[in-house]
Amino acid sequence: MKSPAVLTVHPEYFLIEPGIGRFLYRLARRAAGKARAKWSFQTIYERSGSTGDFKKFTFNLRRLIKANACRNAPLPSWRASLARCW
């Protein structure tokens, strides 16, 4: 019988400061093996279990994604970006 695959976290996971950053890392980690994964801000908000205001949540999420793109506060091994839907 084959053992189930176990996902490990990057050692720098524990250095991710905001709670939303850690949640986003774990969410992306669950999508491991896929070329891309997409979630709406609403879906991320709902899945995070955040009790805060949605507007503030999206502000913080955008800031985290921008910092990740600039590599100021990267999510280890992952690249996050905003997709425009028209």
Protein backbone atom coordinates (compact mmCIF):
# COMPACT_ATOMS: atom_id res chain seq x y z
CA MET A 1 0.00 0.00 0.00
CA LYS A 2 1.33 3.42 -1.00
CA SER A 3 1.69 6.12 1.65
CA PRO A 4 -0.35 9.29 1.13
CA ALA A 5 1.57 12.31 -0.09
CA VAL A 6 2.38 14.81 2.63
CA LEU A 7 2.76 18.48 1.83
CA THR A 8 5.47 20.23 3.76
CA VAL A 9 5.68 23.94 4.39
CA HIS A 10 8.63 26.07 3.40
CA PRO A 11 10.85 26.90 6.42
CA GLU A 12 10.23 30.61 5.79
CA TYR A 13 6.49 30.04 6.28
CA PHE A 14 6.99 30.82 9.95
CA LEU A 15 8.46 34.22 9.05
CA ILE A 16 5.33 35.37 7.21
CA GLU A 17 4.00 38.20 9.38
CA PRO A 18 0.35 38.93 8.68
CA GLY A 19 -2.15 36.16 9.41
CA ILE A 20 -3.67 36.65 5.97
CA GLY A 21 -0.24 35.91 4.48
CA ARG A 22 -0.03 32.57 6.22
CA PHE A 23 -3.58 31.73 5.19
CA LEU A 24 -2.84 32.64 1.56
CA TYR A 25 0.29 30.48 1.62
CA ARG A 26 -1.69 27.49 2.95
CA LEU A 27 -4.44 28.06 0.38
CA ALA A 28 -1.89 28.10 -2.44
CA ARG A 29 -0.14 25.06 -0.98
CA ARG A 30 -3.37 23.07 -1.24
CA ALA A 31 -3.37 23.80 -4.97
CA ALA A 32 0.10 22.27 -5.35
CA GLY A 33 0.57 20.42 -8.60
CA LYS A 34 -1.71 22.69 -10.60
CA ALA A 35 -0.16 25.11 -13.05
CA ARG A 36 -2.35 27.94 -11.77
CA ALA A 37 -5.00 28.48 -9.17
CA LYS A 38 -7.52 31.33 -9.07
CA TRP A 39 -9.75 32.57 -6.29
CA SER A 40 -11.91 35.65 -6.04
CA PHE A 41 -11.34 38.01 -3.13
CA GLN A 42 -14.80 37.05 -1.88
CA THR A 43 -13.89 33.35 -1.88
CA ILE A 44 -10.60 34.00 -0.07
CA TYR A 45 -12.42 36.15 2.48
CA GLU A 46 -15.05 33.49 3.12
CA ARG A 47 -12.56 30.62 3.32
CA SER A 48 -10.29 32.58 5.66
CA GLY A 49 -12.97 32.83 8.31
CA SER A 50 -12.11 36.48 8.82
CA THR A 51 -14.48 38.40 11.06
CA GLY A 52 -13.16 41.75 9.87
CA ASP A 53 -14.65 44.10 7.31
CA PHE A 54 -14.45 42.81 3.70
CA LYS A 55 -13.21 46.18 2.44
CA LYS A 56 -10.31 46.20 4.91
CA PHE A 57 -9.60 42.53 4.11
CA THR A 58 -9.29 43.27 0.38
CA PHE A 59 -7.07 46.27 1.12
CA ASN A 60 -4.71 44.07 3.15
CA LEU A 61 -4.82 41.30 0.56
CA ARG A 62 -3.93 43.72 -2.26
CA ARG A 63 -1.07 45.10 -0.18
CA LEU A 64 0.26 41.59 0.48
CA ILE A 65 0.06 40.65 -3.20
CA LYS A 66 1.84 43.86 -4.22
CA ALA A 67 4.60 43.25 -1.65
CA ASN A 68 4.93 39.68 -2.91
CA ALA A 69 5.32 40.90 -6.50
CA CYS A 70 8.01 43.36 -5.36
CA ARG A 71 9.64 40.68 -3.18
CA ASN A 72 9.47 42.95 -0.13
CA ALA A 73 7.54 40.33 1.83
CA PRO A 74 7.47 37.26 -0.38
CA LEU A 75 5.32 34.21 0.08
CA PRO A 76 7.96 31.47 -0.05
CA SER A 77 7.90 29.48 -3.29
CA TRP A 78 4.72 31.18 -4.56
CA ARG A 79 3.94 34.08 -6.81
CA ALA A 80 0.68 35.93 -6.23
CA SER A 81 -0.82 38.37 -8.71
CA LEU A 82 -4.08 40.11 -9.44
CA ALA A 83 -6.03 39.05 -12.50
CA ARG A 84 -8.20 41.62 -14.23
CA CYS A 85 -11.66 40.50 -15.25
CA TRP A 86 -13.56 42.79 -17.58
